[in-house]
Protein backbone atom coordinates (compact mmCIF):
# COMPACT_ATOMS: atom_id res chain seq x y z
CA MET A 1 -7.69 20.43 142.65
CA ASN A 2 -7.35 22.62 145.65
CA TYR A 3 -6.41 21.25 149.21
CA GLN A 4 -8.14 22.01 152.67
CA SER A 5 -6.80 21.46 156.11
CA THR A 6 -8.41 18.77 157.77
CA ARG A 7 -9.87 21.47 160.59
CA GLY A 8 -11.74 23.10 157.78
CA GLY A 9 -9.45 25.83 156.85
CA ALA A 10 -9.80 28.03 153.20
CA PRO A 11 -8.93 25.68 150.04
CA VAL A 12 -5.26 26.29 148.55
CA ALA A 13 -3.56 25.22 145.45
CA LEU A 14 -1.13 22.60 145.06
CA GLU A 15 1.69 24.71 145.29
CA ASP A 16 0.95 26.47 148.46
CA ALA A 17 -0.31 23.15 150.26
CA ILE A 18 3.59 21.26 149.31
CA MET A 19 5.58 24.65 150.30
CA SER A 20 3.82 25.34 153.40
CA GLY A 21 3.51 21.99 154.39
CA THR A 22 0.90 22.81 157.68
CA ALA A 23 -2.25 24.51 157.03
CA PRO A 24 -2.63 28.03 158.56
CA ASP A 25 -4.81 26.59 161.38
CA GLY A 26 -2.61 24.05 162.43
CA GLY A 27 -4.71 21.38 160.21
CA LEU A 28 -2.84 19.15 157.40
CA PHE A 29 -3.82 19.53 153.92
CA VAL A 30 -5.90 16.93 152.15
CA PRO A 31 -7.49 17.18 148.60
CA VAL A 32 -11.14 18.77 148.85
CA GLU A 33 -11.87 15.68 146.92
CA LEU A 34 -10.43 12.24 146.31
CA PRO A 35 -10.64 11.53 142.57
CA HIS A 36 -12.15 7.86 141.77
CA PHE A 37 -10.56 5.29 139.60
CA ASP A 38 -12.34 2.22 138.31
CA PRO A 39 -9.74 -0.53 137.95
CA ALA A 40 -11.05 -2.11 134.97
CA ASP A 41 -10.29 1.32 133.18
CA MET A 42 -6.45 1.31 134.88
CA PRO A 43 -3.34 -0.30 133.18
CA ALA A 44 -1.71 -3.48 134.85
CA HIS A 45 1.67 -4.37 134.51
CA VAL A 46 3.42 -0.93 133.41
CA PRO A 47 6.54 0.79 135.15
CA ILE A 48 5.56 2.14 138.07
CA ARG A 49 6.52 5.62 136.21
CA GLU A 50 3.62 5.62 133.86
CA LEU A 51 0.90 4.58 136.46
CA ALA A 52 2.10 7.54 138.59
CA GLN A 53 0.98 10.10 135.68
CA LEU A 54 -2.04 8.50 135.50
CA VAL A 55 -2.76 8.30 139.22
CA LEU A 56 -1.34 12.03 140.08
CA LYS A 57 -2.93 13.87 137.27
CA PRO A 58 -6.07 14.79 139.01
CA PHE A 59 -4.24 15.96 141.72
CA PHE A 60 -2.48 18.48 139.59
CA ASP A 61 -5.27 19.44 137.68
CA GLY A 62 -5.40 23.52 137.57
CA SER A 63 -1.95 23.20 139.12
CA GLU A 64 0.86 25.85 137.46
CA LEU A 65 2.63 22.41 137.30
CA SER A 66 0.28 19.95 135.48
CA GLY A 67 2.27 19.99 132.20
CA GLU A 68 5.38 19.20 134.77
CA LEU A 69 4.01 16.15 135.52
CA ASP A 70 5.26 13.13 133.54
CA GLU A 71 8.64 14.95 134.03
CA ILE A 72 8.29 14.83 137.74
CA CYS A 73 7.13 11.54 137.62
CA ALA A 74 10.12 10.23 135.39
CA ASP A 75 12.09 11.97 137.88
CA ALA A 76 11.57 10.77 140.64
CA PHE A 77 10.08 7.16 140.22
CA THR A 78 13.45 5.70 139.02
CA PHE A 79 13.42 2.37 141.03
CA ALA A 80 10.60 -0.01 140.84
CA ALA A 81 8.62 -1.23 143.72
CA PRO A 82 8.27 -5.07 142.78
CA LEU A 83 5.72 -7.19 144.23
CA ARG A 84 7.24 -10.60 145.67
CA GLN A 85 5.39 -13.79 145.86
CA ILE A 86 6.13 -16.16 148.86
CA GLU A 87 3.59 -18.80 149.21
CA THR A 88 1.03 -19.58 146.76
CA GLY A 89 -1.99 -22.27 147.00
CA LYS A 90 -4.55 -21.68 150.02
CA GLN A 91 -2.22 -19.37 151.69
CA LYS A 92 -1.52 -16.95 149.09
CA LEU A 93 1.23 -14.37 150.40
CA SER A 94 3.32 -11.62 148.70
CA VAL A 95 5.66 -9.05 149.66
CA LEU A 96 5.88 -5.33 148.31
CA GLU A 97 9.39 -4.70 148.36
CA LEU A 98 9.76 -0.68 148.87
CA PHE A 99 13.59 -0.24 149.69
CA HIS A 100 14.93 -0.34 146.31
CA GLY A 101 15.62 3.25 146.33
CA PRO A 102 19.09 5.37 147.18
CA THR A 103 18.42 5.05 150.58
CA ALA A 104 17.01 1.41 151.08
CA ALA A 105 13.65 2.50 152.29
CA PHE A 106 10.15 3.72 151.05
CA LYS A 107 10.83 6.96 152.43
CA ASP A 108 12.79 7.05 149.38
CA PHE A 109 9.61 7.56 146.84
CA GLY A 110 7.92 10.32 148.75
CA ALA A 111 11.05 12.52 149.19
CA ARG A 112 12.40 12.12 145.73
CA PHE A 113 8.88 13.05 144.43
CA LEU A 114 8.74 16.08 146.96
CA ALA A 115 12.06 17.51 145.97
CA ALA A 116 11.09 17.08 142.31
CA THR A 117 8.12 19.19 142.85
CA MET A 118 9.47 21.40 145.43
CA SER A 119 12.78 22.27 143.03
CA ARG A 120 10.38 23.24 140.03
CA ILE A 121 8.24 25.37 142.66
CA ILE A 122 10.93 27.60 143.96
CA ARG A 123 12.53 27.80 140.17
CA ARG A 124 9.13 29.40 139.22
CA ARG A 125 8.85 31.53 142.07
CA ASP A 126 12.32 33.00 141.63
CA ASP A 127 12.80 33.70 145.12
CA THR A 128 16.44 34.80 145.83
CA ARG A 129 16.41 32.96 149.65
CA PRO A 130 16.54 29.49 149.74
CA ALA A 131 13.70 26.99 150.60
CA THR A 132 14.96 25.47 154.29
CA ILE A 133 12.89 21.86 154.62
CA VAL A 134 12.86 21.15 157.67
CA VAL A 135 12.44 17.39 158.78
CA ALA A 136 12.55 15.30 162.24
CA THR A 137 12.90 11.80 161.46
CA SER A 138 12.98 8.06 163.33
CA GLY A 139 15.20 7.11 161.21
CA ASP A 140 14.78 6.72 157.62
CA THR A 141 12.63 9.73 156.64
CA GLY A 142 15.99 12.12 156.83
CA GLY A 143 17.98 10.15 155.01
CA ALA A 144 15.80 9.82 151.98
CA VAL A 145 14.94 13.43 152.04
CA ALA A 146 18.70 14.51 152.86
CA ALA A 147 19.50 12.04 149.88
CA ALA A 148 16.82 13.71 147.88
CA PHE A 149 17.77 17.46 148.32
CA HIS A 150 21.54 16.81 148.38
CA GLN A 151 22.97 19.60 146.44
CA ARG A 152 19.48 20.56 144.67
CA PRO A 153 20.12 24.47 144.06
CA GLY A 154 17.73 27.10 146.12
CA THR A 155 17.14 24.48 148.92
CA ARG A 156 18.84 23.40 152.23
CA VAL A 157 17.61 20.66 154.42
CA VAL A 158 17.65 20.82 158.51
CA VAL A 159 17.37 17.18 159.87
CA LEU A 160 16.73 16.88 163.08
CA PHE A 161 16.98 13.10 164.68
CA PRO A 162 16.89 11.65 168.16
CA ASP A 163 20.48 11.16 169.68
CA GLY A 164 21.03 7.54 169.79
CA ARG A 165 18.00 6.16 168.81
CA VAL A 166 18.60 5.45 165.44
CA SER A 167 20.47 2.25 164.14
CA PRO A 168 24.46 3.36 163.00
CA ARG A 169 23.63 2.70 159.46
CA GLN A 170 20.72 4.98 159.59
CA GLU A 171 22.76 7.63 161.64
CA HIS A 172 25.26 7.27 158.84
CA GLN A 173 22.34 8.03 156.48
CA LEU A 174 21.70 10.95 158.31
CA THR A 175 24.90 12.74 158.59
CA CYS A 176 26.89 12.21 155.48
CA TRP A 177 26.24 14.64 153.68
CA GLY A 178 27.14 17.98 154.00
CA ASP A 179 26.76 21.13 151.55
CA ASN A 180 22.61 22.02 151.83
CA ILE A 181 21.79 19.91 154.76
CA ILE A 182 22.31 20.53 158.44
CA SER A 183 22.10 17.49 160.77
CA LEU A 184 21.52 17.66 164.55
CA ALA A 185 21.04 14.70 167.06
CA VAL A 186 18.30 16.27 169.60
CA LYS A 187 18.77 14.93 173.31
CA GLY A 188 15.65 13.07 173.31
CA GLU A 189 12.90 11.11 171.31
CA PHE A 190 11.54 11.01 168.29
CA ASP A 191 8.47 13.21 169.49
CA ASP A 192 10.43 15.84 170.88
CA CYS A 193 12.23 16.38 167.08
CA GLN A 194 8.72 16.63 165.93
CA ARG A 195 7.66 18.78 168.46
CA LEU A 196 10.71 21.43 167.40
CA ALA A 197 9.65 20.99 163.90
CA LYS A 198 6.25 22.07 164.50
CA ALA A 199 7.03 24.80 166.79
CA LEU A 200 9.64 26.47 164.10
CA PHE A 201 6.52 26.03 161.88
CA ALA A 202 4.40 27.40 164.46
CA ASP A 203 6.37 30.42 164.96
CA ALA A 204 5.70 33.05 161.94
CA ALA A 205 8.69 35.18 162.33
CA ILE A 206 10.79 32.01 162.42
CA SER A 207 8.94 30.38 159.42
CA ALA A 208 8.94 33.66 157.24
CA GLU A 209 12.77 35.00 157.78
CA HIS A 210 14.18 31.03 157.03
CA ASN A 211 11.10 30.48 154.23
CA LEU A 212 10.00 27.41 156.17
CA CYS A 213 9.13 24.46 154.26
CA SER A 214 8.57 20.46 155.80
CA ALA A 215 9.07 17.21 154.33
CA ASN A 216 7.61 15.28 156.86
CA SER A 217 4.61 12.97 156.16
CA ILE A 218 2.47 15.83 157.30
CA ASN A 219 3.36 17.07 154.06
CA VAL A 220 1.03 16.20 151.50
CA GLY A 221 3.71 16.24 148.90
CA ARG A 222 5.11 12.97 150.01
CA LEU A 223 1.75 11.11 150.27
CA LEU A 224 0.89 11.38 147.01
CA PRO A 225 3.24 9.23 145.54
CA GLN A 226 3.45 6.70 148.25
CA SER A 227 -0.38 6.18 146.84
CA VAL A 228 1.13 4.92 143.61
CA TYR A 229 2.73 1.77 144.63
CA TYR A 230 -0.40 0.60 146.59
CA ALA A 231 -2.23 1.32 143.19
CA GLN A 232 0.04 -0.31 141.45
CA SER A 233 0.71 -3.79 143.30
CA SER A 234 -3.52 -4.18 143.55
CA LEU A 235 -3.87 -3.33 139.88
CA ASP A 236 -1.02 -5.78 139.13
CA TYR A 237 -2.27 -9.08 141.53
CA LEU A 238 -5.86 -8.55 140.11
CA ALA A 239 -5.15 -8.80 136.36
CA ALA A 240 -3.41 -11.71 137.26
CA ASN A 241 -5.19 -13.39 139.20
CA GLY A 242 -8.88 -11.94 139.54
CA GLU A 243 -8.96 -10.97 143.08
CA PRO A 244 -8.33 -7.97 145.25
CA SER A 245 -5.22 -7.87 147.79
CA ASN A 246 -4.97 -7.42 151.56
CA TYR A 247 -2.59 -5.21 152.95
CA ILE A 248 -0.70 -5.41 156.07
CA VAL A 249 1.42 -1.77 156.59
CA PRO A 250 3.86 -1.61 159.14
CA THR A 251 3.72 2.04 160.54
CA GLY A 252 4.51 4.65 162.98
CA ASN A 253 3.72 8.23 161.73
CA LEU A 254 0.76 6.75 159.65
CA GLY A 255 2.33 8.33 156.50
CA ASN A 256 2.71 5.26 154.55
CA ALA A 257 -0.48 3.52 156.28
CA PHE A 258 -2.71 6.49 155.29
CA ALA A 259 -1.35 6.67 151.44
CA CYS A 260 -2.87 2.76 151.37
CA ALA A 261 -6.08 4.25 152.96
CA TRP A 262 -6.51 6.92 150.24
CA ALA A 263 -5.98 3.82 147.71
CA LYS A 264 -8.68 2.11 148.75
CA GLN A 265 -10.50 4.89 149.13
CA MET A 266 -10.11 5.73 145.49
CA GLY A 267 -11.32 2.64 144.03
CA PHE A 268 -8.12 0.55 143.73
CA PRO A 269 -8.93 -2.59 144.96
CA VAL A 270 -7.48 -2.75 148.42
CA ALA A 271 -9.49 -5.28 150.69
CA ASP A 272 -8.62 -5.76 154.50
CA MET A 273 -6.02 -3.39 156.02
CA ILE A 274 -4.01 -4.28 159.29
CA LEU A 275 -1.62 -2.03 160.71
CA ALA A 276 1.70 -3.39 162.20
CA THR A 277 3.06 -1.10 165.20
CA ASN A 278 5.79 -2.07 167.50
CA ALA A 279 5.68 -1.71 171.49
CA ASN A 280 4.10 1.96 170.56
CA ARG A 281 0.64 0.95 170.97
CA THR A 282 -1.25 4.10 170.43
CA ILE A 283 -2.85 3.17 167.35
CA PRO A 284 -4.36 -0.23 168.14
CA ASP A 285 -5.10 1.22 172.26
CA TYR A 286 -7.42 3.85 170.37
CA LEU A 287 -8.88 1.34 168.19
CA ASP A 288 -9.59 -0.85 171.02
CA SER A 289 -10.77 2.27 173.86
CA GLY A 290 -12.19 4.75 171.21
CA ASN A 291 -9.97 7.23 173.66
CA TRP A 292 -6.96 8.95 171.58
CA GLU A 293 -3.92 8.60 173.96
CA PRO A 294 -0.48 10.09 172.67
CA ARG A 295 2.33 9.30 174.57
CA SER A 296 6.12 9.15 174.85
CA SER A 297 7.44 6.97 172.93
CA VAL A 298 9.33 3.97 173.57
CA ALA A 299 12.78 3.06 172.25
CA THR A 300 12.34 -0.08 170.29
CA LEU A 301 14.12 -2.36 167.23
CA ALA A 302 11.99 -1.09 164.93
CA SER A 303 13.23 2.39 165.60
CA ALA A 304 12.09 4.07 162.25
CA MET A 305 8.10 3.46 164.03
CA ASP A 306 8.81 4.79 167.37
CA VAL A 307 6.05 7.41 167.33
CA GLY A 308 4.08 7.74 170.30
CA ASP A 309 1.94 10.67 168.74
CA PRO A 310 1.23 9.50 165.00
CA SER A 311 0.64 13.23 163.19
CA ASN A 312 -1.18 11.86 160.03
CA MET A 313 -4.15 9.91 162.62
CA GLU A 314 -6.08 13.32 162.07
CA ARG A 315 -5.94 13.24 158.07
CA LEU A 316 -7.56 9.03 159.06
CA ARG A 317 -10.05 10.40 161.11
CA GLN A 318 -10.84 13.64 158.52
CA LEU A 319 -11.11 10.70 156.10
CA TRP A 320 -13.17 7.87 157.82
CA GLY A 321 -14.07 9.38 161.00
CA ASP A 322 -13.33 8.20 164.80
CA ALA A 323 -12.56 4.66 166.06
CA ASP A 324 -16.25 3.46 166.03
CA ALA A 325 -15.90 4.18 161.89
CA LEU A 326 -11.79 3.10 161.20
CA ARG A 327 -12.78 -0.36 163.54
CA GLU A 328 -15.29 -0.76 160.20
CA LYS A 329 -11.93 -0.06 157.54
CA LEU A 330 -8.87 -1.75 159.45
CA ARG A 331 -6.90 -3.12 162.54
CA SER A 332 -4.19 -2.66 163.95
CA PHE A 333 -1.64 -4.71 166.19
CA SER A 334 1.27 -4.56 168.66
CA VAL A 335 4.30 -6.14 168.02
CA SER A 336 6.78 -6.77 170.77
CA ASP A 337 10.81 -6.52 170.66
CA ASP A 338 10.59 -10.45 171.49
CA GLU A 339 8.53 -11.10 168.93
CA ILE A 340 9.99 -8.94 166.09
CA ARG A 341 13.50 -11.38 167.48
CA GLU A 342 12.06 -14.30 166.82
CA GLN A 343 9.82 -13.41 163.21
CA ILE A 344 13.22 -12.56 161.70
CA ARG A 345 14.83 -15.76 162.73
CA THR A 346 11.40 -18.10 161.95
CA GLU A 347 11.20 -16.20 158.78
CA PHE A 348 14.65 -16.88 157.19
CA ALA A 349 14.39 -20.52 158.43
CA ARG A 350 11.04 -20.79 157.03
CA SER A 351 11.57 -18.52 153.40
CA GLY A 352 15.00 -17.45 153.25
CA LEU A 353 13.78 -14.04 153.58
CA ILE A 354 15.59 -11.97 155.67
CA CYS A 355 13.55 -8.87 157.45
CA CYS A 356 14.16 -5.63 158.83
CA PRO A 357 12.62 -5.32 162.24
CA HIS A 358 10.17 -3.20 160.67
CA THR A 359 8.92 -5.60 158.16
CA ALA A 360 9.16 -8.60 160.88
CA THR A 361 6.32 -6.55 162.51
CA GLY A 362 4.33 -7.63 159.26
CA PHE A 363 5.35 -10.82 159.01
CA HIS A 364 4.12 -11.69 162.73
CA VAL A 365 0.85 -10.21 162.17
CA TYR A 366 0.38 -12.32 159.60
CA ARG A 367 2.10 -15.46 160.80
CA ASN A 368 0.58 -15.75 164.56
CA LEU A 369 -2.64 -13.20 164.03
CA LEU A 370 -4.88 -13.86 160.90
CA ALA A 371 -4.92 -17.82 161.15
CA GLN A 372 -8.01 -18.29 159.97
CA GLU A 373 -8.17 -15.20 157.01
CA ARG A 374 -4.96 -16.64 155.53
CA LYS A 375 -6.97 -19.05 154.04
CA GLY A 376 -7.63 -18.46 150.21
CA ASN A 377 -7.09 -14.74 150.46
CA HIS A 378 -4.12 -13.03 148.98
CA TRP A 379 -2.22 -10.98 151.69
CA ILE A 380 0.54 -8.70 150.88
CA ILE A 381 3.04 -7.70 153.53
CA VAL A 382 4.37 -3.78 153.20
CA ALA A 383 8.95 -4.72 153.45
CA THR A 384 9.42 -0.61 154.15
CA ALA A 385 13.51 -0.81 154.17
CA HIS A 386 16.19 -3.09 153.37
CA ALA A 387 17.36 -5.42 156.30
CA ALA A 388 21.26 -4.25 155.80
CA LYS A 389 20.04 -0.74 157.25
CA PHE A 390 19.64 -2.58 160.82
CA ASP A 391 22.49 -5.28 160.32
CA ASP A 392 23.73 -5.08 163.82
CA ILE A 393 20.21 -6.69 164.92
CA VAL A 394 19.65 -9.07 161.91
CA GLU A 395 22.85 -10.61 161.19
CA PRO A 396 22.72 -12.08 164.69
CA LEU A 397 19.59 -13.45 163.82
CA VAL A 398 19.92 -14.99 160.98
CA GLY A 399 24.18 -15.94 161.51
CA GLU A 400 25.01 -14.83 158.54
CA ALA A 401 25.97 -11.34 156.89
CA ILE A 402 23.72 -9.56 154.75
CA PRO A 403 24.94 -8.39 151.32
CA VAL A 404 24.53 -4.48 151.15
CA PRO A 405 22.85 -2.46 148.33
CA ASP A 406 25.34 -0.86 146.27
CA GLU A 407 23.58 3.06 146.70
CA LEU A 408 23.69 2.13 150.31
CA ALA A 409 27.59 1.10 150.46
CA ARG A 410 28.31 4.29 148.53
CA ILE A 411 26.81 6.32 151.11
CA LEU A 412 28.35 4.36 154.15
CA GLU A 413 31.78 5.26 152.31
CA TRP A 414 31.34 8.79 153.08
CA PRO A 415 32.33 10.65 156.54
CA SER A 416 29.36 11.64 159.08
CA HIS A 417 29.35 14.76 160.72
CA PHE A 418 26.25 16.32 162.65
CA ASP A 419 25.81 18.41 165.71
CA THR A 420 24.13 17.58 168.93
CA ILE A 421 21.57 19.72 170.73
CA GLU A 422 19.25 20.13 173.51
CA PRO A 423 15.45 20.32 172.41
CA ASP A 424 15.10 23.81 172.32
CA ILE A 425 14.19 26.01 168.71
CA SER A 426 16.54 28.42 169.96
CA GLU A 427 19.75 25.88 169.30
CA ILE A 428 17.76 25.20 165.37
CA THR A 429 17.80 28.58 164.67
CA ALA A 430 21.40 29.64 166.04
CA ARG A 431 22.72 27.30 163.25
CA LEU A 432 20.28 28.79 160.53
């Protein structure tokens, strides 16, 4: 399996696609051809590690890592993605819990898989220089990448996050590592962090000198493992109930949503797809108007989704086409901060479920915008992060303390240390 640029560049091997992050022509890597799976031939109700080995095998065909895929999956998929049933009967609702990893967010799946894969590539290439992994984060990605690469030989990580625009516990997860992790608070917004990361990669001299690699969802190695939990949840529900599932995916940079689109395209029983955004309306506005208009991001309660120029739209358009074609495949709705607050309150009162602000956008779409479609169809809301990461927002709304997962509690005890920089690449290179 080779990988090509969304802009038509020459195909490369999996190892080169992962280590390069972006293609030389500025595009994003995608498989030359997606494999197709027949759900009837796939196992259900098996550990996610075992299913990952089957789903990802075609993507590793011909790779120097093909013989290590089982080990990579065992290294990366060390926690589950349980499908929790919320309602039955005429309205069938489940929540896909993706927050059981070390940093209590879905980003742990992609980050740990990327770390397991990259570390093996680095070991094989025997390069004396460390690989410098640059990650721009709107809240959760950086913490997951830092945790996954912390103290891994042959690597160092530069985490760029918007100063003052992540939750206190998110900031702690971004800045508590030390060792081979460099944490930098950028004066600006997430799009400034993303712009800086792209500028570093675009500078051939800097990229070569520091052996740069990307760990954002622009890296195809992040998206491959994320497609597995969509495959698993849709297969498990189909096996138990004989029908496909519809998904509501909270999204910012479109990586998680694109992984769902991949799973659907590969034949897994994914029916309707709805993308829930916060007040950053770039995606729903594009589907409404047909005009792609990136813009500065707006700070919201769902901070990890504060993205005004979603990178993975390039992959989505390459897969399914422009707005007219995309409307046939998916829909998108914007949810305000007031609606997020109200949904956290009402969902807790209704079902006892405590949602993070991002997951609340999905619940708002389901409860308020899908009155007719809910009946008789199974819907899965993707829970992207644990509410304890946003205790300052959620606890006042539900009126009680949120238990902190053990892994997160351990991390929160470590001291925090970071530098604050202007949005200029010279400030980053000075620290490298």
